[in-house]
Amino acid sequence: MAQVELIMPKMGESVAEATIIKWLKKEGDKIAADETVLEIATDKVDSEIPSTTEGTLIKRLFNEGDVVQVGKAIAIISTDANASVETPEVKTPAVAQTTTVQKELANTAVKEVVSLEKSSSGKFFSPLVRNIAKQEGIAMTELESISGTGANGRVTKNDILAYIPNKGKQTTATTTKVVQETSSNGASHTKPAIAVGAGDEIIEMDRMRKLIADHMVMSVQTSPHVTSFVEADVTNIVKWRDKVKGNFEKREGEKLTFTPIFIEALVKAIKDFPMINVSLDGTKIIKRKNINIGMAAALPTGNLIVPVIKNADMLNLVGITKQVNDLAGRARTGKLTPDDIQGGTYTISNVGSFGNLMGTPIINQPQVAIMAVGAIKKKPAVIETPEGDLIGIRHFMFLSHSYDHRVVDGSLGGQFVRRVADYLEQWDINREF
């Protein structure tokens, strides 16, 4: 009898594990090659896992809610037409003899798995971390207080092992700090109780909103944010787009929005100031070779996600436009893949699409900067000409540049956003596309 493992696939850089959301196949079900077997979720995106072979699902190695490491077997599929769920347990020699089932998994995978329940704060903890916490007598409320160094602040094995020797001391220090703050300020800084009034509706955050909330809190706690603002005259861009957008759509089959134009200017400025395109690992600055631009896009649920245009500096305006429209379209229909949202080195958010003049965006870790572009508005302005100054109607927009002040100082942050504005203001109104 031939048996094949269904493996938790790699879903992009920095994604080490995924949570099983829903099994779509039961043990004993027949499965076609490439047919979806289960749905999973990472801290980045939801996805589906298809079968790699035709056969019968004879063993599900994990339950819904379990967190599984990338590379682990999650199910056993038999290619024998007569296979049934009466097949011996994973630990039996019949499975151990197959070339794909690892002996270590057969002996330990099932018994070590712990079904994960979300904590009250919505955080997930790996089975290993939960087991260590249980053995050390660490309650869930205490576990939630541990600062994590994993993806989106997740507590890793090393985090909890480092916490254990000092947990008593940390508790005392925290208590003392609260007492001192209470005595000096007259009020405690503990989380206030929230009163619920008659008629109030309580809405539980969905899983992605909880992840976004955790990511935003982690980013603010990690990076000291500073924001610089510039107002740019984009009249030439507005006139040029109005002139060419019809022919552009006819020739390229794509709608020309302002976003690709903003991204092109952004890429040019990053080339001029490459120290914006970095990440910070402790005291080590990682200078990125590739320029991968993340763009905030709306999901069907109303949540935001940041798909990434890879190697944006290698694309012309048409290429950027096609990428922007493709990613935005698949975000709206929920068809982004894990790879679509990996590897960003700088992010842009178009708050102008909500009618906002400007915003102060939060950095998308582990990047060190993010730009928000506001709504384009007509304003009266002084126009300098050889014959003298005139008053005219021009199109203006605000650019907001938030950056990590640990590695980007005000000079670099300010010059960068000014350079982006310069590229937008110097747009050639006779440019060919």
Protein backbone atom coordinates (compact mmCIF):
# COMPACT_ATOMS: atom_id res chain seq x y z
CA MET A 1 0.00 0.00 0.00
CA ALA A 2 1.50 3.36 -1.05
CA GLN A 3 1.02 6.20 1.40
CA VAL A 4 1.92 9.85 0.89
CA GLU A 5 2.28 12.65 3.42
CA LEU A 6 0.50 15.94 2.82
CA ILE A 7 3.02 18.54 4.02
CA MET A 8 2.41 22.02 5.42
CA PRO A 9 3.96 24.05 2.59
CA LYS A 10 6.32 27.02 2.86
CA MET A 11 4.22 30.14 2.48
CA GLY A 12 6.80 32.86 2.03
CA GLU A 13 9.76 34.15 3.98
CA SER A 14 9.34 34.64 7.73
CA VAL A 15 6.24 32.41 7.86
CA ALA A 16 7.20 29.44 10.05
CA GLU A 17 3.79 28.08 11.01
CA ALA A 18 0.10 28.14 10.15
CA THR A 19 -3.16 27.52 11.98
CA ILE A 20 -5.60 24.94 10.62
CA ILE A 21 -8.90 26.77 10.20
CA LYS A 22 -11.10 24.09 8.64
CA TRP A 23 -10.78 20.56 7.30
CA LEU A 24 -12.74 20.20 4.06
CA LYS A 25 -12.18 16.42 3.85
CA LYS A 26 -12.91 13.71 6.41
CA GLU A 27 -10.93 10.53 6.98
CA GLY A 28 -12.09 8.02 4.40
CA ASP A 29 -12.95 10.66 1.77
CA LYS A 30 -11.70 10.19 -1.78
CA ILE A 31 -9.50 13.06 -2.97
CA ALA A 32 -8.52 14.11 -6.49
CA ALA A 33 -5.11 15.55 -7.25
CA ASP A 34 -5.08 19.31 -6.63
CA GLU A 35 -8.40 19.13 -4.76
CA THR A 36 -8.50 21.36 -1.66
CA VAL A 37 -8.17 19.35 1.56
CA LEU A 38 -8.10 22.06 4.24
CA GLU A 39 -8.01 25.79 4.88
CA ILE A 40 -5.18 27.40 6.87
CA ALA A 41 -4.30 30.84 8.16
CA THR A 42 -0.95 32.45 8.87
CA ASP A 43 -0.33 35.79 10.53
CA LYS A 44 -0.30 37.22 7.00
CA VAL A 45 -3.07 35.64 4.91
CA ASP A 46 -5.57 32.78 4.64
CA SER A 47 -4.91 30.01 2.12
CA GLU A 48 -6.01 26.56 0.92
CA ILE A 49 -3.93 23.37 0.85
CA PRO A 50 -4.57 21.11 -2.15
CA SER A 51 -3.78 17.41 -2.32
CA THR A 52 -0.55 16.51 -4.11
CA THR A 53 -1.94 13.17 -5.24
CA GLU A 54 -5.13 11.26 -5.95
CA GLY A 55 -6.21 8.83 -3.26
CA THR A 56 -8.01 8.42 0.05
CA LEU A 57 -7.52 10.54 3.17
CA ILE A 58 -6.76 7.90 5.82
CA LYS A 59 -5.39 10.04 8.65
CA ARG A 60 -5.67 13.67 9.74
CA LEU A 61 -2.68 14.35 11.97
CA PHE A 62 -3.90 17.66 13.37
CA ASN A 63 -7.19 19.17 14.46
CA GLU A 64 -8.87 22.46 13.59
CA GLY A 65 -7.25 25.20 15.65
CA ASP A 66 -3.86 23.47 15.83
CA VAL A 67 -0.75 25.46 14.88
CA VAL A 68 1.53 23.45 12.58
CA GLN A 69 5.13 24.17 11.64
CA VAL A 70 6.04 24.55 7.97
CA GLY A 71 7.41 21.25 6.63
CA LYS A 72 5.38 19.06 9.02
CA ALA A 73 3.06 16.33 7.70
CA ILE A 74 -0.58 17.25 8.30
CA ALA A 75 -2.32 14.24 6.76
CA ILE A 76 -1.71 10.79 5.30
CA ILE A 77 -3.15 9.95 1.89
CA SER A 78 -3.27 6.42 0.50
CA THR A 79 -3.01 5.93 -3.24
CA ASP A 80 -4.48 2.41 -2.92
CA ALA A 81 -7.92 2.35 -4.51
CA ASN A 82 -9.17 0.02 -1.74
CA ALA A 83 -7.79 2.04 1.18
CA SER A 84 -10.05 2.77 4.14
CA VAL A 85 -9.84 4.50 7.48
CA GLU A 86 -9.34 1.11 9.08
CA THR A 87 -5.69 1.48 8.13
CA PRO A 88 -3.42 1.02 11.21
CA GLU A 89 -2.42 3.98 13.35
CA VAL A 90 0.43 6.24 12.25
CA LYS A 91 2.75 4.53 14.72
CA THR A 92 2.44 1.11 13.08
CA PRO A 93 5.17 -0.39 10.89
CA ALA A 94 2.93 -0.17 7.82
CA VAL A 95 3.20 3.62 7.86
CA ALA A 96 6.78 3.67 9.09
CA GLN A 97 7.87 1.62 6.08
CA THR A 98 6.71 4.23 3.57
CA THR A 99 9.34 6.41 2.01
CA THR A 100 7.49 9.63 2.79
CA VAL A 101 6.37 9.20 6.40
CA GLN A 102 9.14 10.13 8.81
CA LYS A 103 9.64 7.85 11.80
CA GLU A 104 9.92 10.82 14.14
CA LEU A 105 6.53 12.15 13.05
CA ALA A 106 4.95 8.71 13.41
CA ASN A 107 6.17 8.42 17.01
CA THR A 108 5.55 11.96 18.24
CA ALA A 109 3.35 14.13 16.03
CA VAL A 110 -0.03 12.94 17.23
CA LYS A 111 0.72 12.74 20.96
CA GLU A 112 2.57 16.08 21.13
CA VAL A 113 -0.08 18.15 19.39
CA VAL A 114 -2.10 20.41 21.64
CA SER A 115 -5.31 21.89 20.30
CA LEU A 116 -4.86 25.64 20.50
CA GLU A 117 -7.53 27.88 21.84
CA LYS A 118 -7.23 31.60 21.43
CA SER A 119 -6.36 33.49 24.56
CA SER A 120 -8.65 36.23 25.78
CA SER A 121 -6.52 38.73 23.86
CA GLY A 122 -6.78 36.72 20.65
CA LYS A 123 -3.11 35.69 20.66
CA PHE A 124 -1.98 32.26 19.49
CA PHE A 125 0.70 30.28 21.31
CA SER A 126 2.44 27.27 19.81
CA PRO A 127 1.89 23.85 21.41
CA LEU A 128 5.51 23.86 22.61
CA VAL A 129 5.15 27.24 24.35
CA ARG A 130 1.89 26.15 25.98
CA ASN A 131 3.44 22.90 27.21
CA ILE A 132 6.40 24.75 28.73
CA ALA A 133 4.03 27.23 30.38
CA LYS A 134 1.96 24.39 31.83
CA GLN A 135 5.03 22.61 33.20
CA GLU A 136 6.31 25.83 34.80
CA GLY A 137 2.97 26.80 36.27
CA ILE A 138 2.63 29.92 34.13
CA ALA A 139 -1.00 31.00 33.84
CA MET A 140 -2.47 32.25 30.57
CA THR A 141 -2.68 35.81 31.86
CA GLU A 142 1.02 35.69 32.73
CA LEU A 143 1.87 34.09 29.39
CA GLU A 144 0.12 36.92 27.57
CA SER A 145 2.30 39.46 29.38
CA ILE A 146 5.55 38.02 28.00
CA SER A 147 7.11 40.15 25.26
CA GLY A 148 7.57 38.01 22.15
CA THR A 149 10.29 38.29 19.51
CA GLY A 150 8.58 36.09 16.91
CA ALA A 151 6.47 37.17 13.94
CA ASN A 152 4.01 39.91 14.98
CA GLY A 153 5.23 39.68 18.58
CA ARG A 154 4.50 35.96 18.97
CA VAL A 155 6.13 34.33 22.00
CA THR A 156 8.79 31.82 20.95
CA LYS A 157 10.42 28.96 22.85
CA ASN A 158 13.46 31.15 23.57
CA ASP A 159 11.23 33.95 24.89
CA ILE A 160 9.51 31.78 27.47
CA LEU A 161 12.75 30.02 28.49
CA ALA A 162 14.38 33.43 29.04
CA TYR A 163 11.37 34.55 31.07
CA ILE A 164 11.25 31.58 33.46
CA PRO A 165 14.39 32.30 35.59
CA ASN A 166 13.30 35.89 36.26
CA LYS A 167 9.53 35.58 36.43
CA GLY A 168 9.42 36.22 40.18
CA LYS A 169 11.68 39.26 39.90
CA GLN A 170 9.70 40.63 36.96
CA THR A 171 6.45 40.32 38.88
CA THR A 172 7.93 42.22 41.85
CA ALA A 173 9.38 44.93 39.62
CA THR A 174 6.10 45.37 37.80
CA THR A 175 4.18 45.61 41.08
CA THR A 176 6.61 48.20 42.42
CA LYS A 177 6.36 50.25 39.25
CA VAL A 178 2.58 50.30 39.42
CA VAL A 179 2.68 51.37 43.07
CA GLN A 180 5.21 54.15 42.30
CA GLU A 181 3.19 55.45 39.38
CA THR A 182 0.06 55.39 41.46
CA SER A 183 1.64 57.34 44.29
CA SER A 184 3.33 59.95 42.06
CA ASN A 185 0.60 60.49 39.50
CA GLY A 186 -2.42 59.85 41.66
CA ALA A 187 -3.79 57.15 39.34
CA SER A 188 -2.86 53.64 38.29
CA HIS A 189 -1.85 52.93 34.69
CA THR A 190 -3.57 49.56 34.66
CA LYS A 191 -6.09 48.81 31.92
CA PRO A 192 -9.36 50.57 32.74
CA ALA A 193 -12.58 48.61 33.08
CA ILE A 194 -14.97 49.21 30.20
CA ALA A 195 -18.60 49.76 31.13
CA VAL A 196 -21.22 48.33 28.78
CA GLY A 197 -24.45 50.27 28.69
CA ALA A 198 -27.97 49.15 27.85
CA GLY A 199 -28.35 48.76 24.11
CA ASP A 200 -24.59 48.62 23.44
CA GLU A 201 -23.58 45.96 20.93
CA ILE A 202 -20.51 43.84 21.63
CA ILE A 203 -18.75 42.74 18.43
CA GLU A 204 -15.93 40.21 18.64
CA MET A 205 -12.95 41.08 16.42
CA ASP A 206 -12.42 38.66 13.57
CA ARG A 207 -9.11 36.80 13.42
CA MET A 208 -7.49 39.18 10.93
CA ARG A 209 -8.51 42.30 12.85
CA LYS A 210 -6.90 40.82 15.98
CA LEU A 211 -3.72 40.15 14.02
CA ILE A 212 -3.73 43.69 12.64
CA ALA A 213 -4.27 45.09 16.14
CA ASP A 214 -1.37 43.06 17.54
CA HIS A 215 0.87 44.09 14.63
CA MET A 216 0.07 47.80 15.07
CA VAL A 217 0.72 47.73 18.83
CA MET A 218 3.96 45.83 18.27
CA SER A 219 5.10 48.38 15.65
CA VAL A 220 4.47 51.38 17.90
CA GLN A 221 6.21 49.64 20.81
CA THR A 222 9.17 48.72 18.58
CA SER A 223 9.80 51.93 16.63
CA PRO A 224 9.80 55.54 17.84
CA HIS A 225 7.66 57.08 15.11
CA VAL A 226 8.33 60.51 13.61
CA THR A 227 6.26 61.96 10.76
CA SER A 228 7.29 64.62 8.22
CA PHE A 229 4.82 66.35 5.88
CA VAL A 230 5.17 67.94 2.46
CA GLU A 231 2.55 69.50 0.18
CA ALA A 232 3.13 68.78 -3.51
CA ASP A 233 1.74 70.55 -6.58
CA VAL A 234 0.57 67.66 -8.79
CA THR A 235 -1.24 69.72 -11.42
CA ASN A 236 0.87 68.35 -14.28
CA ILE A 237 0.13 64.77 -13.21
CA VAL A 238 -3.63 65.41 -13.05
CA LYS A 239 -3.64 67.05 -16.51
CA TRP A 240 -1.41 64.33 -18.02
CA ARG A 241 -3.53 61.49 -16.65
CA ASP A 242 -6.74 63.13 -17.88
CA LYS A 243 -5.16 63.40 -21.33
CA VAL A 244 -3.82 59.84 -21.67
CA LYS A 245 -6.00 57.56 -19.51
CA GLY A 246 -8.44 56.75 -22.34
CA ASN A 247 -5.75 55.69 -24.81
CA PHE A 248 -3.84 53.96 -22.02
CA GLU A 249 -6.81 51.72 -21.23
CA LYS A 250 -7.41 50.97 -24.92
CA ARG A 251 -3.78 50.01 -25.56
CA GLU A 252 -2.91 48.26 -22.30
CA GLY A 253 -6.30 47.01 -21.17
CA GLU A 254 -5.67 48.59 -17.77
CA LYS A 255 -7.16 51.56 -15.92
CA LEU A 256 -4.53 54.17 -15.07
CA THR A 257 -4.92 55.37 -11.48
CA PHE A 258 -2.68 57.75 -9.56
CA THR A 259 -1.17 54.97 -7.41
CA PRO A 260 1.32 53.67 -10.03
CA ILE A 261 2.52 57.24 -10.60
CA PHE A 262 3.11 57.73 -6.88
CA ILE A 263 4.95 54.39 -6.67
CA GLU A 264 7.22 55.31 -9.59
CA ALA A 265 8.23 58.55 -7.84
CA LEU A 266 8.72 56.64 -4.59
CA VAL A 267 11.07 54.15 -6.25
CA LYS A 268 13.14 56.93 -7.78
CA ALA A 269 13.51 58.58 -4.36
CA ILE A 270 14.51 55.27 -2.74
CA LYS A 271 17.31 54.96 -5.30
CA ASP A 272 18.46 58.43 -4.26
CA PHE A 273 18.20 57.60 -0.53
CA PRO A 274 18.87 53.86 -0.19
CA MET A 275 19.10 54.05 3.62
CA ILE A 276 15.32 54.36 3.66
CA ASN A 277 15.14 50.85 2.17
CA VAL A 278 16.46 49.08 5.29
CA SER A 279 15.43 46.96 8.28
CA LEU A 280 16.83 47.04 11.79
CA ASP A 281 17.89 43.88 13.64
CA GLY A 282 19.03 44.97 17.07
CA THR A 283 22.01 47.20 16.32
CA LYS A 284 22.49 45.78 12.81
CA ILE A 285 21.12 47.70 9.83
CA ILE A 286 20.07 45.45 6.94
CA LYS A 287 20.33 47.41 3.70
CA ARG A 288 17.93 45.81 1.20
CA LYS A 289 19.10 45.09 -2.32
CA ASN A 290 15.62 44.81 -3.80
CA ILE A 291 13.03 47.57 -3.83
CA ASN A 292 9.73 45.84 -3.04
CA ILE A 293 6.85 48.28 -2.57
CA GLY A 294 3.92 47.26 -0.39
CA MET A 295 0.59 48.96 -1.08
CA ALA A 296 -2.29 48.95 1.38
CA ALA A 297 -5.39 47.39 -0.19
CA ALA A 298 -8.89 46.59 1.07
CA LEU A 299 -10.12 43.03 1.63
CA PRO A 300 -13.76 41.98 1.19
CA THR A 301 -14.11 42.07 5.02
CA GLY A 302 -13.09 45.72 5.12
CA ASN A 303 -9.72 44.89 6.71
CA LEU A 304 -6.55 46.13 5.04
CA ILE A 305 -3.75 43.98 3.68
CA VAL A 306 -0.45 44.95 2.08
CA PRO A 307 0.37 43.07 -1.15
CA VAL A 308 3.86 43.68 -2.51
CA ILE A 309 5.15 44.77 -5.91
CA LYS A 310 8.44 42.88 -6.16
CA ASN A 311 11.46 44.56 -7.78
CA ALA A 312 9.43 47.69 -8.53
CA ASP A 313 12.60 49.46 -9.70
CA MET A 314 12.78 47.02 -12.64
CA LEU A 315 9.30 47.97 -13.93
CA ASN A 316 8.20 50.88 -16.11
CA LEU A 317 4.95 52.75 -15.48
CA VAL A 318 2.92 50.24 -17.51
CA GLY A 319 4.41 47.33 -15.59
CA ILE A 320 3.73 48.99 -12.23
CA THR A 321 0.15 49.73 -13.31
CA LYS A 322 -0.49 46.11 -14.23
CA GLN A 323 0.93 44.94 -10.88
CA VAL A 324 -1.11 47.48 -8.90
CA ASN A 325 -4.37 46.56 -10.64
CA ASP A 326 -3.74 42.82 -10.37
CA LEU A 327 -2.91 42.88 -6.66
CA ALA A 328 -5.73 45.28 -5.78
CA GLY A 329 -8.21 43.17 -7.75
CA ARG A 330 -7.17 39.93 -6.10
CA ALA A 331 -7.23 41.60 -2.68
CA ARG A 332 -10.86 42.65 -3.25
CA THR A 333 -11.84 39.11 -4.23
CA GLY A 334 -9.83 37.40 -1.50
CA LYS A 335 -7.49 35.65 -3.94
CA LEU A 336 -4.09 36.84 -2.74
CA THR A 337 -1.51 34.14 -2.10
CA PRO A 338 0.93 34.12 0.86
CA ASP A 339 3.78 35.05 -1.50
CA ASP A 340 1.89 38.16 -2.65
CA ILE A 341 2.29 39.78 0.77
CA GLN A 342 5.87 38.78 1.55
CA GLY A 343 9.14 40.65 1.21
CA GLY A 344 8.05 44.29 1.26
CA THR A 345 10.81 46.82 1.94
CA TYR A 346 8.74 50.05 1.91
CA THR A 347 4.98 50.68 2.07
CA ILE A 348 2.64 53.31 0.62
CA SER A 349 -0.93 53.92 1.78
CA ASN A 350 -3.37 56.02 -0.23
CA VAL A 351 -5.49 57.66 2.46
CA GLY A 352 -6.76 60.06 -0.19
CA SER A 353 -9.00 57.25 -1.46
CA PHE A 354 -11.02 57.75 1.77
CA GLY A 355 -11.23 61.50 1.18
CA ASN A 356 -8.54 62.25 3.78
CA LEU A 357 -6.12 65.12 3.29
CA MET A 358 -3.30 63.42 5.20
CA GLY A 359 -2.54 60.68 7.71
CA THR A 360 0.15 59.54 10.13
CA PRO A 361 0.61 55.89 9.13
CA ILE A 362 2.13 53.22 11.39
CA ILE A 363 5.27 51.51 10.08
CA ASN A 364 4.78 48.03 8.62
CA GLN A 365 7.45 46.09 10.53
CA PRO A 366 10.20 45.11 9.88
CA GLN A 367 10.39 48.08 7.51
CA VAL A 368 11.55 51.44 8.85
CA ALA A 369 9.31 53.87 6.95
CA ILE A 370 5.90 54.26 5.34
CA MET A 371 4.28 57.00 3.25
CA ALA A 372 0.66 58.13 3.13
CA VAL A 373 -0.64 60.12 0.16
CA GLY A 374 -3.67 62.32 0.69
CA ALA A 375 -6.56 63.47 -1.47
CA ILE A 376 -5.81 65.75 -4.41
CA LYS A 377 -7.54 69.13 -3.94
CA LYS A 378 -7.78 72.27 -6.05
CA LYS A 379 -6.38 75.40 -4.39
CA PRO A 380 -5.59 78.97 -5.39
CA ALA A 381 -1.82 79.37 -5.59
CA VAL A 382 0.83 81.93 -6.51
CA ILE A 383 2.38 81.02 -9.88
CA GLU A 384 5.76 82.51 -10.67
CA THR A 385 6.26 83.53 -14.32
CA PRO A 386 8.91 85.62 -16.16
CA GLU A 387 6.31 88.37 -16.37
CA GLY A 388 5.57 88.30 -12.65
CA ASP A 389 3.51 86.41 -10.09
CA LEU A 390 -0.03 85.31 -10.90
CA ILE A 391 -2.84 83.69 -8.94
CA GLY A 392 -4.06 80.41 -10.45
CA ILE A 393 -5.92 77.20 -9.61
CA ARG A 394 -3.58 74.28 -8.94
CA HIS A 395 -3.94 70.70 -7.72
CA PHE A 396 -2.22 69.93 -4.40
CA MET A 397 -1.80 66.88 -2.19
CA PHE A 398 -0.09 66.16 1.13
CA LEU A 399 2.56 63.46 1.57
CA SER A 400 3.04 62.07 5.10
CA HIS A 401 6.24 60.16 5.80
CA SER A 402 6.44 58.17 9.07
CA TYR A 403 9.83 56.69 9.93
CA ASP A 404 11.70 54.80 12.64
CA HIS A 405 13.76 57.43 14.47
CA ARG A 406 16.20 54.79 15.72
CA VAL A 407 17.70 54.53 12.25
CA VAL A 408 16.17 57.36 10.17
CA ASP A 409 16.84 60.85 11.49
CA GLY A 410 14.83 63.95 10.67
CA SER A 411 17.22 65.04 7.95
CA LEU A 412 16.97 61.80 5.98
CA GLY A 413 13.24 61.39 6.62
CA GLY A 414 12.50 64.95 5.60
CA GLN A 415 14.74 64.98 2.52
CA PHE A 416 13.22 61.72 1.32
CA VAL A 417 9.62 62.89 1.33
CA ARG A 418 10.70 66.18 -0.26
CA ARG A 419 12.43 64.25 -3.05
CA VAL A 420 9.26 62.22 -3.73
CA ALA A 421 7.33 65.50 -3.99
CA ASP A 422 9.97 66.92 -6.35
CA TYR A 423 9.59 63.96 -8.73
CA LEU A 424 5.80 64.42 -8.71
CA GLU A 425 6.02 68.18 -9.29
CA GLN A 426 8.53 67.77 -12.14
CA TRP A 427 6.26 65.43 -14.09
CA ASP A 428 6.56 65.90 -17.86
CA ILE A 429 3.08 66.75 -19.14
CA ASN A 430 4.13 65.62 -22.65
CA ARG A 431 5.42 62.24 -21.48
CA GLU A 432 4.70 59.20 -23.66
CA PHE A 433 3.55 55.99 -22.00
